[in-house]
Amino acid sequence: MAKQQGQGEQDRQSIQKRMASQKNQPESRKMTTKIYVKEVRDELEKVNWPSRKTVVNYSAVVLITLVVLISLIFLLNLVFSRAVLFLFG
């Protein structure tokens, strides 16, 4: 926990230094593509990515739920269409 707080403090100091050095630059030069890509990579390295097993499990749950809901909608559509044809057909 202390390590994360220390990292957060370092990030804040780094941002403050960068902002201070950019104050004298024109607005169009403040954020270059190179800096942007580097910062995006740095942030992506901090992400706690799920394991392969977790992703497979979540994907299976989503697919099973999808099949169940599609089946339910299909059956409801079939029942109501036949009921309408029976009543008005």
Protein backbone atom coordinates (compact mmCIF):
# COMPACT_ATOMS: atom_id res chain seq x y z
CA MET A 1 0.00 0.00 0.00
CA ALA A 2 2.80 2.39 0.92
CA LYS A 3 4.50 1.53 -2.38
CA GLN A 4 1.36 2.55 -4.31
CA GLN A 5 1.14 5.82 -2.39
CA GLY A 6 4.80 6.51 -3.11
CA GLN A 7 4.22 5.78 -6.79
CA GLY A 8 1.20 8.10 -6.80
CA GLU A 9 3.28 10.87 -5.26
CA GLN A 10 6.01 10.36 -7.87
CA ASP A 11 3.39 10.51 -10.63
CA ARG A 12 2.01 13.78 -9.26
CA GLN A 13 5.48 15.30 -9.03
CA SER A 14 6.31 14.16 -12.55
CA ILE A 15 3.10 15.73 -13.90
CA GLN A 16 3.75 18.97 -12.02
CA LYS A 17 7.30 19.18 -13.42
CA ARG A 18 6.05 18.50 -16.93
CA MET A 19 3.32 21.13 -16.63
CA ALA A 20 5.78 23.69 -15.27
CA SER A 21 8.18 23.07 -18.17
CA GLN A 22 5.34 23.36 -20.68
CA LYS A 23 4.03 26.74 -19.46
CA ASN A 24 6.49 28.66 -21.64
CA GLN A 25 5.76 26.61 -24.75
CA PRO A 26 3.08 27.39 -27.31
CA GLU A 27 -0.21 25.51 -26.80
CA SER A 28 0.29 23.33 -29.90
CA ARG A 29 3.66 22.04 -28.65
CA LYS A 30 2.59 20.99 -25.15
CA MET A 31 1.59 17.40 -25.94
CA THR A 32 3.46 15.69 -28.72
CA THR A 33 2.48 12.31 -30.13
CA LYS A 34 5.64 10.74 -28.76
CA ILE A 35 4.89 11.91 -25.21
CA TYR A 36 1.28 10.81 -25.53
CA VAL A 37 2.20 7.28 -26.67
CA LYS A 38 4.80 6.96 -23.91
CA GLU A 39 2.30 8.00 -21.25
CA VAL A 40 -0.33 5.61 -22.61
CA ARG A 41 2.16 2.73 -22.47
CA ASP A 42 3.16 3.67 -18.93
CA GLU A 43 -0.48 3.68 -17.83
CA LEU A 44 -1.21 0.35 -19.55
CA GLU A 45 1.67 -1.26 -17.67
CA LYS A 46 -0.03 -0.28 -14.41
CA VAL A 47 -3.29 -2.04 -15.34
CA ASN A 48 -4.06 -5.23 -13.44
CA TRP A 49 -5.04 -7.41 -16.41
CA PRO A 50 -7.24 -10.47 -15.78
CA SER A 51 -5.80 -13.94 -16.24
CA ARG A 52 -6.64 -16.03 -19.29
CA LYS A 53 -8.77 -18.35 -17.15
CA THR A 54 -10.83 -15.41 -15.86
CA VAL A 55 -11.41 -14.06 -19.37
CA VAL A 56 -12.47 -17.51 -20.61
CA ASN A 57 -14.88 -17.93 -17.68
CA TYR A 58 -16.44 -14.49 -18.17
CA SER A 59 -16.74 -15.08 -21.92
CA ALA A 60 -18.49 -18.41 -21.32
CA VAL A 61 -20.96 -16.74 -18.94
CA VAL A 62 -21.70 -14.03 -21.52
CA LEU A 63 -22.19 -16.54 -24.35
CA ILE A 64 -24.45 -18.80 -22.28
CA THR A 65 -26.52 -15.80 -21.17
CA LEU A 66 -26.75 -14.67 -24.78
CA VAL A 67 -28.02 -18.07 -25.96
CA VAL A 68 -30.60 -18.21 -23.14
CA LEU A 69 -31.93 -14.72 -23.85
CA ILE A 70 -32.06 -15.27 -27.62
CA SER A 71 -33.97 -18.51 -27.05
CA LEU A 72 -36.38 -16.77 -24.70
CA ILE A 73 -37.03 -13.96 -27.19
CA PHE A 74 -37.51 -16.48 -30.01
CA LEU A 75 -40.03 -18.49 -27.98
CA LEU A 76 -41.95 -15.39 -26.90
CA ASN A 77 -42.05 -14.17 -30.49
CA LEU A 78 -43.33 -17.56 -31.67
CA VAL A 79 -46.04 -17.75 -28.96
CA PHE A 80 -47.27 -14.20 -29.52
CA SER A 81 -47.28 -14.50 -33.31
CA ARG A 82 -49.35 -17.68 -33.11
CA ALA A 83 -51.69 -16.08 -30.56
CA VAL A 84 -52.23 -13.09 -32.84
CA LEU A 85 -52.88 -15.35 -35.83
CA PHE A 86 -55.29 -17.41 -33.75
CA LEU A 87 -57.20 -14.35 -32.52
CA PHE A 88 -57.21 -12.25 -35.69
CA GLY A 89 -56.37 -14.77 -38.42
